[in-house]
Amino acid sequence: MMDIREIYLPALAMVVLTFAVWWRMYFARVGQMRRERIHPQKVATSAQATALLTDSRAADNFRNLFELPVLFYLALVVADRMDMVDGISVALAWAFVLLRVVHSAIHVTYNRVMHRFAAYVAGGMVLWLLWGYLAVGLLSG
């Protein structure tokens, strides 16, 4: 049996990724606001920010990191609580993280939609495989 903590290392990696994207978003927004002398109150709402801030890649990606990854974090807790931390669940968790890193890297840099979409779909499929694996364990036990 694997060390139960191994299932939480991919979660830690996702937290690091989320922090890195947050940091990039912060510097991109503050940088543009300084360069263009945009007063913070002029971007108080998302509609105002959309109208004034031209580079939304990091902000868009940051929001993405609170969509499918919510199900990912829950899957890790379920794997732990149901004693399903094994090579399969850990490998699927790391595969999801890797694909989210690829998705984020594409999104905040050159942002080619079809490349980003391929990484997103692949990550989603890995997440659904993880949940399928957990469902089989939950329903058969």
N, C-alpha and C. Protein backbone atom coordinates (compact mmCIF):
# COMPACT_ATOMS: atom_id res chain seq x y z
N MET A 1 0.84 -1.19 0.00
CA MET A 1 0.00 0.00 0.00
C MET A 1 0.88 1.25 0.00
N MET A 2 0.46 2.24 -0.70
CA MET A 2 1.21 3.48 -0.84
C MET A 2 1.03 4.36 0.39
N ASP A 3 1.98 5.25 0.57
CA ASP A 3 1.86 6.27 1.60
C ASP A 3 0.70 7.18 1.20
N ILE A 4 -0.24 7.36 2.09
CA ILE A 4 -1.46 8.13 1.82
C ILE A 4 -1.15 9.56 1.40
N ARG A 5 -0.02 10.08 1.85
CA ARG A 5 0.35 11.46 1.51
C ARG A 5 0.64 11.64 0.03
N GLU A 6 0.93 10.55 -0.67
CA GLU A 6 1.25 10.65 -2.09
C GLU A 6 0.09 11.19 -2.92
N ILE A 7 -1.13 11.00 -2.47
CA ILE A 7 -2.28 11.50 -3.22
C ILE A 7 -2.39 13.02 -3.10
N TYR A 8 -1.77 13.59 -2.07
CA TYR A 8 -1.88 15.04 -1.87
C TYR A 8 -0.74 15.83 -2.52
N LEU A 9 0.28 15.15 -2.99
CA LEU A 9 1.36 15.85 -3.69
C LEU A 9 0.88 16.48 -5.00
N PRO A 10 0.02 15.80 -5.78
CA PRO A 10 -0.53 16.47 -6.97
C PRO A 10 -1.37 17.70 -6.60
N ALA A 11 -2.06 17.64 -5.46
CA ALA A 11 -2.83 18.81 -5.01
C ALA A 11 -1.88 19.97 -4.72
N LEU A 12 -0.79 19.67 -4.07
CA LEU A 12 0.20 20.70 -3.77
C LEU A 12 0.74 21.31 -5.07
N ALA A 13 0.98 20.46 -6.06
CA ALA A 13 1.46 20.96 -7.35
C ALA A 13 0.42 21.87 -8.00
N MET A 14 -0.87 21.53 -7.88
CA MET A 14 -1.92 22.38 -8.43
C MET A 14 -1.98 23.71 -7.69
N VAL A 15 -1.76 23.69 -6.39
CA VAL A 15 -1.74 24.94 -5.62
C VAL A 15 -0.57 25.81 -6.10
N VAL A 16 0.58 25.21 -6.33
CA VAL A 16 1.73 25.96 -6.83
C VAL A 16 1.41 26.55 -8.21
N LEU A 17 0.79 25.77 -9.08
CA LEU A 17 0.39 26.27 -10.40
C LEU A 17 -0.58 27.45 -10.26
N THR A 18 -1.57 27.31 -9.40
CA THR A 18 -2.55 28.37 -9.19
C THR A 18 -1.87 29.63 -8.68
N PHE A 19 -0.93 29.47 -7.77
CA PHE A 19 -0.19 30.61 -7.25
C PHE A 19 0.62 31.28 -8.36
N ALA A 20 1.27 30.48 -9.20
CA ALA A 20 2.09 31.03 -10.28
C ALA A 20 1.23 31.83 -11.26
N VAL A 21 0.06 31.30 -11.60
CA VAL A 21 -0.84 32.01 -12.52
C VAL A 21 -1.38 33.28 -11.84
N TRP A 22 -1.69 33.20 -10.57
CA TRP A 22 -2.15 34.37 -9.82
C TRP A 22 -1.08 35.47 -9.84
N TRP A 23 0.16 35.07 -9.61
CA TRP A 23 1.27 36.01 -9.61
C TRP A 23 1.42 36.66 -10.97
N ARG A 24 1.34 35.86 -12.02
CA ARG A 24 1.44 36.40 -13.39
C ARG A 24 0.30 37.37 -13.67
N MET A 25 -0.91 37.00 -13.24
CA MET A 25 -2.07 37.87 -13.42
C MET A 25 -1.85 39.21 -12.71
N TYR A 26 -1.37 39.14 -11.49
CA TYR A 26 -1.12 40.35 -10.71
C TYR A 26 -0.16 41.28 -11.45
N PHE A 27 0.99 40.76 -11.88
CA PHE A 27 1.97 41.60 -12.55
C PHE A 27 1.48 42.10 -13.91
N ALA A 28 0.72 41.28 -14.63
CA ALA A 28 0.19 41.73 -15.92
C ALA A 28 -0.81 42.87 -15.73
N ARG A 29 -1.70 42.71 -14.78
CA ARG A 29 -2.72 43.75 -14.56
C ARG A 29 -2.13 45.03 -14.00
N VAL A 30 -1.34 44.89 -12.96
CA VAL A 30 -0.74 46.08 -12.35
C VAL A 30 0.18 46.78 -13.35
N GLY A 31 0.92 45.99 -14.13
CA GLY A 31 1.80 46.57 -15.14
C GLY A 31 1.03 47.38 -16.16
N GLN A 32 -0.05 46.81 -16.68
CA GLN A 32 -0.84 47.54 -17.67
C GLN A 32 -1.48 48.78 -17.04
N MET A 33 -1.98 48.65 -15.82
CA MET A 33 -2.61 49.79 -15.15
C MET A 33 -1.61 50.93 -14.94
N ARG A 34 -0.38 50.58 -14.61
CA ARG A 34 0.66 51.61 -14.44
C ARG A 34 1.04 52.23 -15.78
N ARG A 35 1.28 51.38 -16.78
CA ARG A 35 1.69 51.89 -18.10
C ARG A 35 0.64 52.83 -18.69
N GLU A 36 -0.62 52.44 -18.54
CA GLU A 36 -1.70 53.21 -19.17
C GLU A 36 -2.38 54.17 -18.19
N ARG A 37 -1.85 54.25 -16.99
CA ARG A 37 -2.37 55.15 -15.95
C ARG A 37 -3.87 54.95 -15.74
N ILE A 38 -4.24 53.69 -15.55
CA ILE A 38 -5.63 53.34 -15.28
C ILE A 38 -5.82 53.35 -13.77
N HIS A 39 -6.71 54.16 -13.30
CA HIS A 39 -7.01 54.22 -11.86
C HIS A 39 -7.71 52.92 -11.45
N PRO A 40 -7.35 52.35 -10.31
CA PRO A 40 -7.96 51.09 -9.87
C PRO A 40 -9.49 51.12 -9.83
N GLN A 41 -10.06 52.24 -9.49
CA GLN A 41 -11.52 52.32 -9.41
C GLN A 41 -12.18 52.14 -10.78
N LYS A 42 -11.43 52.40 -11.85
CA LYS A 42 -11.98 52.25 -13.20
C LYS A 42 -12.11 50.79 -13.63
N VAL A 43 -11.54 49.87 -12.84
CA VAL A 43 -11.67 48.44 -13.13
C VAL A 43 -12.31 47.71 -11.94
N ALA A 44 -13.24 48.38 -11.29
CA ALA A 44 -13.88 47.85 -10.09
C ALA A 44 -14.79 46.66 -10.36
N THR A 45 -15.32 46.58 -11.57
CA THR A 45 -16.18 45.45 -11.92
C THR A 45 -15.55 44.66 -13.05
N SER A 46 -16.00 43.44 -13.24
CA SER A 46 -15.44 42.63 -14.33
C SER A 46 -15.74 43.25 -15.69
N ALA A 47 -16.89 43.89 -15.84
CA ALA A 47 -17.21 44.55 -17.11
C ALA A 47 -16.24 45.70 -17.38
N GLN A 48 -15.95 46.48 -16.35
CA GLN A 48 -15.00 47.58 -16.51
C GLN A 48 -13.61 47.05 -16.82
N ALA A 49 -13.20 46.01 -16.11
CA ALA A 49 -11.88 45.44 -16.34
C ALA A 49 -11.77 44.91 -17.78
N THR A 50 -12.81 44.25 -18.25
CA THR A 50 -12.81 43.71 -19.61
C THR A 50 -12.67 44.82 -20.63
N ALA A 51 -13.31 45.94 -20.37
CA ALA A 51 -13.27 47.05 -21.32
C ALA A 51 -11.90 47.73 -21.35
N LEU A 52 -11.19 47.74 -20.22
CA LEU A 52 -9.95 48.51 -20.13
C LEU A 52 -8.67 47.67 -20.18
N LEU A 53 -8.71 46.48 -19.64
CA LEU A 53 -7.50 45.65 -19.57
C LEU A 53 -7.48 44.72 -20.78
N THR A 54 -6.51 44.90 -21.63
CA THR A 54 -6.49 44.19 -22.91
C THR A 54 -5.94 42.77 -22.83
N ASP A 55 -5.06 42.47 -21.90
CA ASP A 55 -4.48 41.13 -21.81
C ASP A 55 -5.12 40.39 -20.64
N SER A 56 -6.11 39.56 -20.95
CA SER A 56 -6.84 38.84 -19.91
C SER A 56 -6.42 37.37 -19.80
N ARG A 57 -5.34 36.98 -20.49
CA ARG A 57 -4.96 35.56 -20.52
C ARG A 57 -4.76 34.98 -19.13
N ALA A 58 -3.98 35.64 -18.29
CA ALA A 58 -3.71 35.09 -16.97
C ALA A 58 -4.97 35.08 -16.11
N ALA A 59 -5.78 36.14 -16.20
CA ALA A 59 -7.02 36.20 -15.43
C ALA A 59 -7.98 35.11 -15.89
N ASP A 60 -8.08 34.90 -17.19
CA ASP A 60 -8.94 33.84 -17.71
C ASP A 60 -8.46 32.48 -17.22
N ASN A 61 -7.15 32.27 -17.27
CA ASN A 61 -6.61 30.98 -16.82
C ASN A 61 -6.81 30.79 -15.32
N PHE A 62 -6.65 31.85 -14.57
CA PHE A 62 -6.85 31.77 -13.11
C PHE A 62 -8.28 31.30 -12.81
N ARG A 63 -9.25 31.84 -13.53
CA ARG A 63 -10.65 31.39 -13.34
C ARG A 63 -10.79 29.92 -13.72
N ASN A 64 -10.11 29.50 -14.79
CA ASN A 64 -10.16 28.09 -15.19
C ASN A 64 -9.66 27.16 -14.10
N LEU A 65 -8.74 27.65 -13.29
CA LEU A 65 -8.16 26.81 -12.24
C LEU A 65 -9.11 26.59 -11.06
N PHE A 66 -10.32 27.13 -11.17
CA PHE A 66 -11.34 26.90 -10.15
C PHE A 66 -12.58 26.26 -10.75
N GLU A 67 -12.41 25.64 -11.91
CA GLU A 67 -13.51 24.93 -12.56
C GLU A 67 -13.28 23.42 -12.40
N LEU A 68 -12.75 22.74 -13.39
CA LEU A 68 -12.48 21.30 -13.27
C LEU A 68 -11.62 20.94 -12.06
N PRO A 69 -10.61 21.75 -11.72
CA PRO A 69 -9.79 21.37 -10.56
C PRO A 69 -10.57 21.20 -9.25
N VAL A 70 -11.74 21.80 -9.12
CA VAL A 70 -12.55 21.58 -7.91
C VAL A 70 -12.89 20.09 -7.80
N LEU A 71 -13.27 19.49 -8.93
CA LEU A 71 -13.57 18.05 -8.93
C LEU A 71 -12.31 17.22 -8.68
N PHE A 72 -11.18 17.72 -9.14
CA PHE A 72 -9.90 17.06 -8.93
C PHE A 72 -9.57 17.00 -7.43
N TYR A 73 -9.66 18.14 -6.77
CA TYR A 73 -9.35 18.18 -5.33
C TYR A 73 -10.27 17.24 -4.55
N LEU A 74 -11.55 17.24 -4.90
CA LEU A 74 -12.48 16.34 -4.23
C LEU A 74 -12.12 14.88 -4.48
N ALA A 75 -11.72 14.56 -5.70
CA ALA A 75 -11.35 13.18 -6.03
C ALA A 75 -10.19 12.70 -5.16
N LEU A 76 -9.25 13.59 -4.88
CA LEU A 76 -8.11 13.20 -4.05
C LEU A 76 -8.55 12.89 -2.63
N VAL A 77 -9.47 13.68 -2.12
CA VAL A 77 -9.99 13.43 -0.77
C VAL A 77 -10.78 12.12 -0.75
N VAL A 78 -11.58 11.89 -1.77
CA VAL A 78 -12.34 10.64 -1.86
C VAL A 78 -11.38 9.45 -1.92
N ALA A 79 -10.34 9.54 -2.74
CA ALA A 79 -9.35 8.45 -2.83
C ALA A 79 -8.74 8.17 -1.46
N ASP A 80 -8.41 9.21 -0.73
CA ASP A 80 -7.84 9.06 0.61
C ASP A 80 -8.85 8.41 1.54
N ARG A 81 -10.04 8.96 1.63
CA ARG A 81 -11.05 8.48 2.59
C ARG A 81 -11.52 7.06 2.29
N MET A 82 -11.50 6.66 1.02
CA MET A 82 -11.97 5.33 0.64
C MET A 82 -10.82 4.33 0.52
N ASP A 83 -9.64 4.70 1.01
CA ASP A 83 -8.46 3.83 0.93
C ASP A 83 -8.18 3.38 -0.51
N MET A 84 -8.28 4.33 -1.43
CA MET A 84 -8.03 4.02 -2.84
C MET A 84 -6.79 4.74 -3.36
N VAL A 85 -5.88 5.04 -2.44
CA VAL A 85 -4.62 5.65 -2.85
C VAL A 85 -3.71 4.52 -3.31
N ASP A 86 -3.55 4.42 -4.61
CA ASP A 86 -2.72 3.37 -5.20
C ASP A 86 -2.04 3.93 -6.44
N GLY A 87 -1.32 3.09 -7.13
CA GLY A 87 -0.59 3.54 -8.30
C GLY A 87 -1.49 4.16 -9.37
N ILE A 88 -2.70 3.63 -9.51
CA ILE A 88 -3.61 4.14 -10.54
C ILE A 88 -4.12 5.53 -10.19
N SER A 89 -4.63 5.69 -8.97
CA SER A 89 -5.18 7.00 -8.60
C SER A 89 -4.08 8.08 -8.56
N VAL A 90 -2.92 7.72 -8.08
CA VAL A 90 -1.82 8.69 -8.02
C VAL A 90 -1.34 9.04 -9.43
N ALA A 91 -1.22 8.06 -10.30
CA ALA A 91 -0.78 8.32 -11.68
C ALA A 91 -1.79 9.19 -12.41
N LEU A 92 -3.08 8.92 -12.24
CA LEU A 92 -4.09 9.75 -12.89
C LEU A 92 -4.07 11.17 -12.33
N ALA A 93 -3.86 11.30 -11.04
CA ALA A 93 -3.78 12.64 -10.44
C ALA A 93 -2.61 13.42 -11.02
N TRP A 94 -1.45 12.78 -11.11
CA TRP A 94 -0.29 13.48 -11.68
C TRP A 94 -0.49 13.80 -13.16
N ALA A 95 -1.15 12.90 -13.89
CA ALA A 95 -1.42 13.17 -15.31
C ALA A 95 -2.31 14.40 -15.45
N PHE A 96 -3.33 14.51 -14.59
CA PHE A 96 -4.20 15.69 -14.63
C PHE A 96 -3.40 16.96 -14.38
N VAL A 97 -2.54 16.91 -13.36
CA VAL A 97 -1.72 18.09 -13.04
C VAL A 97 -0.83 18.46 -14.22
N LEU A 98 -0.17 17.50 -14.80
CA LEU A 98 0.70 17.77 -15.94
C LEU A 98 -0.07 18.43 -17.07
N LEU A 99 -1.24 17.92 -17.37
CA LEU A 99 -2.04 18.49 -18.45
C LEU A 99 -2.56 19.88 -18.11
N ARG A 100 -2.82 20.14 -16.83
CA ARG A 100 -3.24 21.50 -16.42
C ARG A 100 -2.06 22.46 -16.52
N VAL A 101 -0.86 21.99 -16.23
CA VAL A 101 0.32 22.83 -16.39
C VAL A 101 0.48 23.19 -17.87
N VAL A 102 0.34 22.22 -18.75
CA VAL A 102 0.44 22.47 -20.19
C VAL A 102 -0.65 23.46 -20.62
N HIS A 103 -1.88 23.23 -20.17
CA HIS A 103 -2.99 24.13 -20.50
C HIS A 103 -2.69 25.55 -20.05
N SER A 104 -2.23 25.70 -18.81
CA SER A 104 -1.94 27.04 -18.29
C SER A 104 -0.79 27.69 -19.04
N ALA A 105 0.25 26.92 -19.33
CA ALA A 105 1.40 27.48 -20.05
C ALA A 105 0.98 28.00 -21.42
N ILE A 106 0.15 27.25 -22.11
CA ILE A 106 -0.35 27.70 -23.41
C ILE A 106 -1.21 28.94 -23.23
N HIS A 107 -2.11 28.89 -22.27
CA HIS A 107 -3.09 29.97 -22.07
C HIS A 107 -2.43 31.31 -21.74
N VAL A 108 -1.41 31.29 -20.90
CA VAL A 108 -0.82 32.57 -20.48
C VAL A 108 0.32 33.03 -21.38
N THR A 109 0.68 32.22 -22.39
CA THR A 109 1.76 32.64 -23.30
C THR A 109 1.18 32.87 -24.70
N TYR A 110 1.39 31.95 -25.61
CA TYR A 110 1.01 32.19 -27.00
C TYR A 110 -0.48 31.96 -27.27
N ASN A 111 -1.17 31.26 -26.42
CA ASN A 111 -2.63 31.13 -26.41
C ASN A 111 -3.24 30.65 -27.73
N ARG A 112 -2.65 29.64 -28.33
CA ARG A 112 -3.24 29.03 -29.53
C ARG A 112 -4.41 28.17 -29.06
N VAL A 113 -5.62 28.53 -29.48
CA VAL A 113 -6.84 27.94 -28.95
C VAL A 113 -6.88 26.42 -29.12
N MET A 114 -6.55 25.90 -30.28
CA MET A 114 -6.65 24.46 -30.50
C MET A 114 -5.62 23.69 -29.66
N HIS A 115 -4.46 24.26 -29.44
CA HIS A 115 -3.48 23.62 -28.55
C HIS A 115 -4.00 23.61 -27.12
N ARG A 116 -4.51 24.74 -26.70
CA ARG A 116 -5.07 24.85 -25.34
C ARG A 116 -6.25 23.91 -25.17
N PHE A 117 -7.10 23.85 -26.19
CA PHE A 117 -8.28 22.99 -26.13
C PHE A 117 -7.88 21.52 -26.03
N ALA A 118 -6.86 21.11 -26.78
CA ALA A 118 -6.39 19.72 -26.72
C ALA A 118 -5.91 19.38 -25.31
N ALA A 119 -5.16 20.28 -24.69
CA ALA A 119 -4.68 20.04 -23.32
C ALA A 119 -5.86 20.00 -22.35
N TYR A 120 -6.83 20.87 -22.55
CA TYR A 120 -8.02 20.92 -21.69
C TYR A 120 -8.82 19.62 -21.78
N VAL A 121 -9.07 19.17 -23.00
CA VAL A 121 -9.85 17.94 -23.20
C VAL A 121 -9.10 16.74 -22.63
N ALA A 122 -7.80 16.67 -22.89
CA ALA A 122 -7.01 15.55 -22.36
C ALA A 122 -7.05 15.55 -20.84
N GLY A 123 -6.89 16.72 -20.22
CA GLY A 123 -6.97 16.80 -18.76
C GLY A 123 -8.35 16.41 -18.26
N GLY A 124 -9.38 16.87 -18.96
CA GLY A 124 -10.74 16.49 -18.57
C GLY A 124 -10.96 14.99 -18.65
N MET A 125 -10.46 14.37 -19.70
CA MET A 125 -10.61 12.92 -19.85
C MET A 125 -9.89 12.18 -18.72
N VAL A 126 -8.71 12.65 -18.36
CA VAL A 126 -7.98 12.03 -17.25
C VAL A 126 -8.78 12.18 -15.95
N LEU A 127 -9.36 13.35 -15.75
CA LEU A 127 -10.16 13.57 -14.54
C LEU A 127 -11.37 12.64 -14.52
N TRP A 128 -12.05 12.49 -15.67
CA TRP A 128 -13.21 11.59 -15.71
C TRP A 128 -12.77 10.14 -15.51
N LEU A 129 -11.59 9.77 -16.01
CA LEU A 129 -11.07 8.41 -15.74
C LEU A 129 -10.82 8.21 -14.25
N LEU A 130 -10.25 9.24 -13.61
CA LEU A 130 -10.02 9.15 -12.16
C LEU A 130 -11.33 8.97 -11.43
N TRP A 131 -12.33 9.76 -11.79
CA TRP A 131 -13.64 9.62 -11.14
C TRP A 131 -14.29 8.28 -11.46
N GLY A 132 -14.10 7.77 -12.67
CA GLY A 132 -14.62 6.45 -13.01
C GLY A 132 -13.98 5.37 -12.16
N TYR A 133 -12.67 5.47 -12.00
CA TYR A 133 -11.95 4.51 -11.15
C TYR A 133 -12.45 4.58 -9.70
N LEU A 134 -12.64 5.80 -9.21
CA LEU A 134 -13.15 5.95 -7.84
C LEU A 134 -14.57 5.44 -7.72
N ALA A 135 -15.40 5.69 -8.73
CA ALA A 135 -16.80 5.23 -8.70
C ALA A 135 -16.88 3.71 -8.63
N VAL A 136 -16.04 3.04 -9.40
CA VAL A 136 -16.02 1.57 -9.36
C VAL A 136 -15.68 1.10 -7.94
N GLY A 137 -14.67 1.72 -7.35
CA GLY A 137 -14.29 1.35 -5.98
C GLY A 137 -15.37 1.66 -4.96
N LEU A 138 -16.01 2.80 -5.12
CA LEU A 138 -17.07 3.19 -4.19
C LEU A 138 -18.29 2.28 -4.31
N LEU A 139 -18.65 1.94 -5.53
CA LEU A 139 -19.86 1.14 -5.74
C LEU A 139 -19.66 -0.35 -5.51
N SER A 140 -18.44 -0.80 -5.59
CA SER A 140 -18.19 -2.25 -5.41
C SER A 140 -17.84 -2.59 -3.97
N GLY A 141 -17.59 -1.58 -3.16
CA GLY A 141 -17.17 -1.84 -1.78
C GLY A 141 -18.28 -1.70 -0.85
